[in-house]
């Protein structure tokens, strides 16, 4: 007989499941990140993953649960971040505009993108009214949909704190806001709704930062490269490494392995090589399946044959059906 734990997971997944992936501007003080994660967990969310990067000076937390639980948990984490993180003393290689810098919501089971958008707006209003930070909306939560993070984070926290740029007034402001610009220590929060994406970093050796920047410029969408790919080349002084840091907005639209192979080709042409790949947060099925299919020579590597994906589809389809063993 299977243990009861398996049954409880099955039962839990028959309800609507929402994912949130908040990015916090703290990657060096584990006590602060621990406090944030504890607040999220205490609100009832299931924390699937957390990362800390001292060079990026950033932490990423992945949590899931019913929408109302995820809403409550992200607001609880935001309160701790606003209390404990001071951007005036924050220096890292990753762009940032807020203590809670980015807060995307991702519909997983039994939810639509419109549901995630509604959650984003409810949480955005709570961040303004209860936590006291200005909010921008991006991705599928913006109006019109499609606003990109790059345009919101241009110039970083420092570009927003003294006064709002004419082209970047916040979507929501706390009542009777006393400041000419962003929150003086916590900045702003970018709240979004989006599909599952792949956040990953590829480490290179044997080439300089300038060449890595050329690689990033070549592969990203805005440089004529892969659709939906955002890429930056970064030097990590603490680690002593060169990194191409990427977000692939839809792994179904652009092949992760095609991106990886192109980086390998460009690095080799410059006299360098790829030495490591790091995925931030959870691993999308598309990445794992494609890599395994290439390595193993799978004859039919279709996503429809992924057990995890078919199980989720089954649970979403049969959510609430009566137990066939009853009646």
Protein backbone atom coordinates (compact mmCIF):
# COMPACT_ATOMS: atom_id res chain seq x y z
CA UNK A 1 0.00 0.00 0.00
CA UNK A 2 1.23 3.51 -0.76
CA UNK A 3 1.76 5.77 2.27
CA UNK A 4 -0.90 8.31 3.16
CA UNK A 5 1.49 11.13 2.21
CA UNK A 6 1.00 10.28 -1.48
CA UNK A 7 -2.78 10.51 -1.06
CA UNK A 8 -2.55 13.91 0.61
CA UNK A 9 -0.43 15.32 -2.20
CA UNK A 10 -2.93 14.00 -4.75
CA UNK A 11 -5.84 15.53 -2.83
CA UNK A 12 -4.10 18.90 -2.48
CA UNK A 13 -3.35 19.12 -6.20
CA UNK A 14 -6.99 18.67 -7.18
CA UNK A 15 -7.59 22.29 -6.12
CA UNK A 16 -6.45 25.41 -7.98
CA UNK A 17 -2.70 25.93 -7.63
CA UNK A 18 -0.96 29.27 -8.13
CA UNK A 19 2.79 29.82 -8.18
CA UNK A 20 4.60 32.99 -7.10
CA UNK A 21 8.31 33.65 -7.60
CA UNK A 22 9.24 36.74 -5.56
CA UNK A 23 12.76 38.14 -6.08
CA UNK A 24 14.25 39.90 -3.05
CA UNK A 25 17.22 42.27 -3.08
CA UNK A 26 19.20 40.36 -0.44
CA UNK A 27 21.69 37.66 -1.28
CA UNK A 28 24.25 37.88 1.51
CA UNK A 29 22.47 37.91 4.87
CA UNK A 30 20.83 34.52 5.39
CA UNK A 31 19.04 35.78 8.48
CA UNK A 32 17.00 38.22 6.41
CA UNK A 33 16.14 35.62 3.79
CA UNK A 34 15.26 33.11 6.52
CA UNK A 35 12.87 35.63 8.06
CA UNK A 36 11.20 36.25 4.69
CA UNK A 37 10.82 32.53 3.97
CA UNK A 38 9.49 31.87 7.47
CA UNK A 39 6.84 34.56 7.02
CA UNK A 40 5.80 33.06 3.69
CA UNK A 41 5.58 29.54 5.13
CA UNK A 42 3.73 30.73 8.23
CA UNK A 43 1.04 32.17 5.96
CA UNK A 44 0.38 28.64 4.67
CA UNK A 45 2.21 28.54 1.34
CA UNK A 46 4.40 25.62 0.30
CA UNK A 47 7.94 26.90 -0.33
CA UNK A 48 9.38 24.75 -3.10
CA UNK A 49 12.74 26.43 -3.54
CA UNK A 50 14.95 29.32 -2.44
CA UNK A 51 18.24 30.60 -3.79
CA UNK A 52 20.76 33.19 -2.61
CA UNK A 53 23.46 34.77 -4.77
CA UNK A 54 25.95 37.16 -3.15
CA UNK A 55 27.18 38.63 -6.44
CA UNK A 56 23.68 39.33 -7.70
CA UNK A 57 22.84 40.26 -4.08
CA UNK A 58 19.48 38.64 -4.70
CA UNK A 59 17.30 35.79 -3.48
CA UNK A 60 14.54 34.02 -5.36
CA UNK A 61 11.78 32.11 -3.57
CA UNK A 62 9.34 29.76 -5.30
CA UNK A 63 6.04 29.10 -3.52
CA UNK A 64 2.75 27.48 -4.44
CA UNK A 65 -0.71 27.08 -2.98
CA UNK A 66 -4.34 28.05 -3.49
CA UNK A 67 -4.62 31.65 -4.75
CA UNK A 68 -5.84 33.11 -1.46
CA UNK A 69 -2.94 31.47 0.41
CA UNK A 70 -0.34 32.65 -2.10
CA UNK A 71 -1.73 36.18 -1.91
CA UNK A 72 -1.47 36.18 1.88
CA UNK A 73 2.01 34.65 1.84
CA UNK A 74 3.52 37.08 -0.67
CA UNK A 75 2.20 40.06 1.28
CA UNK A 76 3.71 38.60 4.47
CA UNK A 77 7.08 38.18 2.75
CA UNK A 78 6.88 41.72 1.38
CA UNK A 79 6.38 43.16 4.87
CA UNK A 80 9.60 41.55 6.09
CA UNK A 81 11.53 42.67 3.02
CA UNK A 82 10.41 46.28 3.39
CA UNK A 83 11.34 46.24 7.09
CA UNK A 84 14.72 44.51 6.73
CA UNK A 85 16.21 45.55 3.35
CA UNK A 86 17.69 49.01 2.75
CA UNK A 87 18.48 49.67 -0.90
CA UNK A 88 20.65 52.66 -0.03
CA UNK A 89 23.31 50.17 1.06
CA UNK A 90 22.59 47.58 -1.63
CA UNK A 91 25.19 46.90 -4.33
CA UNK A 92 24.95 43.89 -6.64
CA UNK A 93 25.42 43.09 -10.32
CA UNK A 94 21.72 42.39 -10.95
CA UNK A 95 19.38 45.31 -11.83
CA UNK A 96 16.93 46.14 -9.02
CA UNK A 97 14.33 48.76 -8.08
CA UNK A 98 12.87 47.30 -4.91
CA UNK A 99 13.53 45.39 -1.70
CA UNK A 100 10.87 43.04 -3.05
CA UNK A 101 11.99 43.70 -6.59
CA UNK A 102 9.81 41.44 -8.72
CA UNK A 103 6.65 39.51 -7.83
CA UNK A 104 5.27 37.37 -10.69
CA UNK A 105 2.23 35.10 -10.39
CA UNK A 106 2.01 31.97 -12.55
CA UNK A 107 -1.22 29.95 -13.05
CA UNK A 108 -0.46 26.24 -12.70
CA UNK A 109 -3.56 24.08 -12.09
CA UNK A 110 -7.19 25.05 -12.55
CA UNK A 111 -6.37 28.71 -13.21
CA UNK A 112 -6.13 30.99 -16.24
CA UNK A 113 -3.81 33.89 -16.95
CA UNK A 114 -6.74 36.20 -16.23
CA UNK A 115 -6.97 34.64 -12.76
CA UNK A 116 -3.27 35.35 -12.22
CA UNK A 117 -3.75 38.92 -13.44
CA UNK A 118 -6.56 39.46 -10.94
CA UNK A 119 -4.37 38.11 -8.13
CA UNK A 120 -1.57 40.46 -9.20
CA UNK A 121 -3.87 43.46 -8.95
CA UNK A 122 -5.28 42.40 -5.59
CA UNK A 123 -1.79 41.91 -4.19
CA UNK A 124 -0.62 45.17 -5.78
CA UNK A 125 -3.37 47.08 -4.01
CA UNK A 126 -2.49 45.37 -0.71
CA UNK A 127 1.20 46.24 -1.12
CA UNK A 128 0.24 49.86 -1.56
CA UNK A 129 -2.41 50.08 1.16
CA UNK A 130 -1.01 47.70 3.79
CA UNK A 131 2.76 47.57 3.21
CA UNK A 132 3.24 51.12 1.95
CA UNK A 133 5.26 50.73 -1.26
CA UNK A 134 4.48 51.96 -4.80
CA UNK A 135 3.68 49.35 -7.44
CA UNK A 136 4.27 48.88 -11.15
CA UNK A 137 2.53 46.12 -13.13
CA UNK A 138 4.31 44.20 -15.87
CA UNK A 139 3.86 41.20 -18.16
CA UNK A 140 0.26 40.07 -18.46
CA UNK A 141 -0.71 42.18 -15.43
CA UNK A 142 0.09 45.52 -17.08
CA UNK A 143 -2.43 47.61 -18.99
CA UNK A 144 -2.03 47.03 -21.87
CA UNK A 145 -0.37 43.64 -21.29
CA UNK A 146 3.25 43.13 -22.26
CA UNK A 147 5.20 45.76 -20.34
CA UNK A 148 8.76 44.55 -19.81
CA UNK A 149 10.80 44.63 -16.64
CA UNK A 150 13.77 46.18 -18.44
CA UNK A 151 11.90 49.42 -19.05
CA UNK A 152 10.80 49.62 -15.40
CA UNK A 153 14.27 48.89 -13.98
CA UNK A 154 16.21 51.25 -16.24
CA UNK A 155 18.63 53.16 -14.01
CA UNK A 156 17.74 51.05 -10.98
CA UNK A 157 16.47 52.22 -7.61
CA UNK A 158 18.59 55.36 -7.87
CA UNK A 159 16.65 56.55 -10.94
CA UNK A 160 13.35 56.41 -9.01
CA UNK A 161 14.08 57.45 -5.44
CA UNK A 162 14.51 61.22 -5.86
CA UNK A 163 11.64 61.76 -8.33
CA UNK A 164 9.51 59.77 -10.75
CA UNK A 165 10.75 59.86 -14.35
CA UNK A 166 8.14 61.37 -16.65
CA UNK A 167 7.69 58.06 -18.48
CA UNK A 168 7.51 55.90 -15.34
CA UNK A 169 4.85 57.09 -12.98
CA UNK A 170 3.82 54.14 -10.77
CA UNK A 171 0.55 52.37 -11.45
CA UNK A 172 -0.40 52.49 -7.76
CA UNK A 173 0.75 54.82 -4.98
CA UNK A 174 0.03 54.64 -1.24
CA UNK A 175 -2.50 57.23 -0.01
CA UNK A 176 -1.04 60.66 0.82
CA UNK A 177 2.38 59.55 -0.43
CA UNK A 178 4.92 61.91 1.20
CA UNK A 179 7.89 61.24 -1.10
CA UNK A 180 8.71 62.75 -4.51
CA UNK A 181 9.73 59.32 -5.79
CA UNK A 182 10.06 55.72 -4.61
CA UNK A 183 10.08 54.50 -1.01
CA UNK A 184 13.38 55.87 0.38
CA UNK A 185 14.70 52.46 1.48
CA UNK A 186 12.44 49.83 -0.13
CA UNK A 187 11.94 51.36 -3.57
CA UNK A 188 9.02 49.92 -5.56
CA UNK A 189 7.58 46.50 -6.35
CA UNK A 190 7.08 45.20 -9.91
CA UNK A 191 4.06 42.88 -9.81
CA UNK A 192 3.33 40.66 -12.79
CA UNK A 193 1.46 37.72 -14.24
CA UNK A 194 3.20 35.38 -16.66
CA UNK A 195 3.53 31.80 -17.89
CA UNK A 196 6.25 29.48 -16.60
CA UNK A 197 9.66 30.78 -17.68
CA UNK A 198 13.22 29.52 -17.51
CA UNK A 199 15.56 31.67 -15.41
CA UNK A 200 19.10 30.40 -15.91
CA UNK A 201 22.74 31.38 -15.89
CA UNK A 202 25.51 29.96 -18.06
CA UNK A 203 29.07 30.30 -16.76
CA UNK A 204 31.93 30.82 -19.21
CA UNK A 205 35.68 30.59 -18.92
CA UNK A 206 38.48 31.63 -21.21
CA UNK A 207 36.82 34.83 -22.43
CA UNK A 208 36.61 38.39 -21.12
CA UNK A 209 33.47 40.25 -20.06
CA UNK A 210 33.42 42.26 -23.30
CA UNK A 211 33.18 39.08 -25.36
CA UNK A 212 30.50 37.67 -23.06
CA UNK A 213 28.53 40.87 -23.62
CA UNK A 214 28.75 40.33 -27.36
CA UNK A 215 27.41 36.81 -26.88
CA UNK A 216 24.50 38.09 -24.78
CA UNK A 217 23.73 40.79 -27.35
CA UNK A 218 23.73 38.21 -30.16
CA UNK A 219 21.39 35.69 -28.57
CA UNK A 220 18.76 37.96 -27.00
CA UNK A 221 15.56 38.85 -28.80
CA UNK A 222 16.31 42.56 -29.04
CA UNK A 223 19.55 41.74 -30.87
CA UNK A 224 17.82 39.56 -33.43
CA UNK A 225 18.35 36.35 -31.51
CA UNK A 226 15.89 33.98 -29.87
CA UNK A 227 12.27 35.12 -29.38
CA UNK A 228 11.46 35.80 -25.74
CA UNK A 229 15.07 35.59 -24.57
CA UNK A 230 16.47 38.30 -22.26
CA UNK A 231 20.21 38.07 -21.67
CA UNK A 232 22.89 40.03 -19.81
CA UNK A 233 26.59 39.31 -19.39
CA UNK A 234 27.81 39.82 -15.84
CA UNK A 235 31.11 39.62 -14.01
CA UNK A 236 30.82 38.02 -10.58
CA UNK A 237 33.68 39.36 -8.46
CA UNK A 238 33.05 37.17 -5.40
CA UNK A 239 32.94 34.02 -7.47
CA UNK A 240 35.56 35.18 -9.95
CA UNK A 241 33.42 34.17 -12.91
CA UNK A 242 31.82 35.44 -16.12
CA UNK A 243 28.15 34.65 -16.54
CA UNK A 244 25.46 35.04 -19.17
CA UNK A 245 22.29 35.57 -17.11
CA UNK A 246 19.05 34.83 -18.96
CA UNK A 247 15.29 34.68 -18.78
CA UNK A 248 13.56 32.62 -21.46
CA UNK A 249 9.99 33.84 -21.28
CA UNK A 250 8.42 30.83 -22.99
CA UNK A 251 10.52 27.64 -23.26
CA UNK A 252 7.96 26.29 -25.73
CA UNK A 253 8.57 29.19 -28.12
CA UNK A 254 12.37 29.05 -28.13
CA UNK A 255 14.26 25.84 -27.48
CA UNK A 256 16.43 26.04 -24.34
CA UNK A 257 18.88 23.57 -25.85
CA UNK A 258 19.12 25.64 -29.03
CA UNK A 259 20.00 28.65 -26.90
CA UNK A 260 22.58 26.62 -24.99
CA UNK A 261 24.16 25.24 -28.15
CA UNK A 262 24.41 28.76 -29.62
CA UNK A 263 26.19 30.00 -26.49
CA UNK A 264 28.59 27.07 -26.75
CA UNK A 265 29.31 27.90 -30.40
CA UNK A 266 29.89 31.60 -29.75
CA UNK A 267 32.06 30.92 -26.70
CA UNK A 268 34.18 28.40 -28.63
CA UNK A 269 34.61 30.85 -31.50
CA UNK A 270 35.95 33.38 -28.98
CA UNK A 271 38.37 30.85 -27.48
CA UNK A 272 36.30 30.02 -24.41
CA UNK A 273 33.88 27.37 -23.22
CA UNK A 274 30.80 26.76 -21.09
CA UNK A 275 31.67 25.29 -17.69
CA UNK A 276 28.37 25.28 -15.78
CA UNK A 277 24.65 25.94 -16.09
CA UNK A 278 22.58 27.15 -13.15
CA UNK A 279 18.77 27.17 -13.11
CA UNK A 280 17.09 29.62 -10.72
CA UNK A 281 13.96 28.22 -9.13
CA UNK A 282 12.17 25.21 -10.54
CA UNK A 283 13.19 23.29 -13.67
CA UNK A 284 10.66 23.57 -16.53
CA UNK A 285 9.76 20.24 -18.13
CA UNK A 286 10.84 21.59 -21.53
CA UNK A 287 14.46 21.98 -20.40
CA UNK A 288 14.76 18.57 -18.76
CA UNK A 289 12.96 16.71 -21.53
CA UNK A 290 14.89 18.34 -24.35
CA UNK A 291 18.26 17.80 -22.68
CA UNK A 292 17.45 14.17 -21.92
CA UNK A 293 16.09 13.55 -25.41
CA UNK A 294 19.24 14.92 -26.99
CA UNK A 295 21.56 12.96 -24.74
CA UNK A 296 19.62 9.67 -24.86
CA UNK A 297 18.41 9.89 -28.45
CA UNK A 298 14.78 9.44 -27.39
CA UNK A 299 12.61 8.38 -30.32
CA UNK A 300 9.48 10.25 -29.16
CA UNK A 301 10.38 13.05 -26.75
CA UNK A 302 6.96 14.75 -26.83
CA UNK A 303 5.84 16.72 -23.79
CA UNK A 304 2.55 14.81 -23.89
CA UNK A 305 4.52 11.79 -22.64
CA UNK A 306 5.86 13.58 -19.55
CA UNK A 307 4.27 11.85 -16.55
CA UNK A 308 4.29 14.99 -14.38
CA UNK A 309 2.56 17.06 -17.07
CA UNK A 310 -0.09 14.43 -17.80
CA UNK A 311 -0.75 13.96 -14.10
CA UNK A 312 -1.35 17.69 -13.62
CA UNK A 313 -3.65 17.75 -16.67
CA UNK A 314 -5.56 14.78 -15.28
CA UNK A 315 -5.95 16.39 -11.88
CA UNK A 316 -7.13 19.68 -13.41
CA UNK A 317 -9.64 17.89 -15.66
CA UNK A 318 -11.07 15.66 -12.96
CA UNK A 319 -10.97 18.18 -10.13
CA UNK A 320 -13.93 17.59 -7.85
CA UNK A 321 -15.13 14.38 -9.51
CA UNK A 322 -16.64 11.88 -7.05
CA UNK A 323 -14.52 8.99 -5.89
CA UNK A 324 -15.26 6.14 -8.33
CA UNK A 325 -15.20 3.73 -5.40
CA UNK A 326 -18.17 5.40 -3.73
CA UNK A 327 -21.91 4.93 -4.34
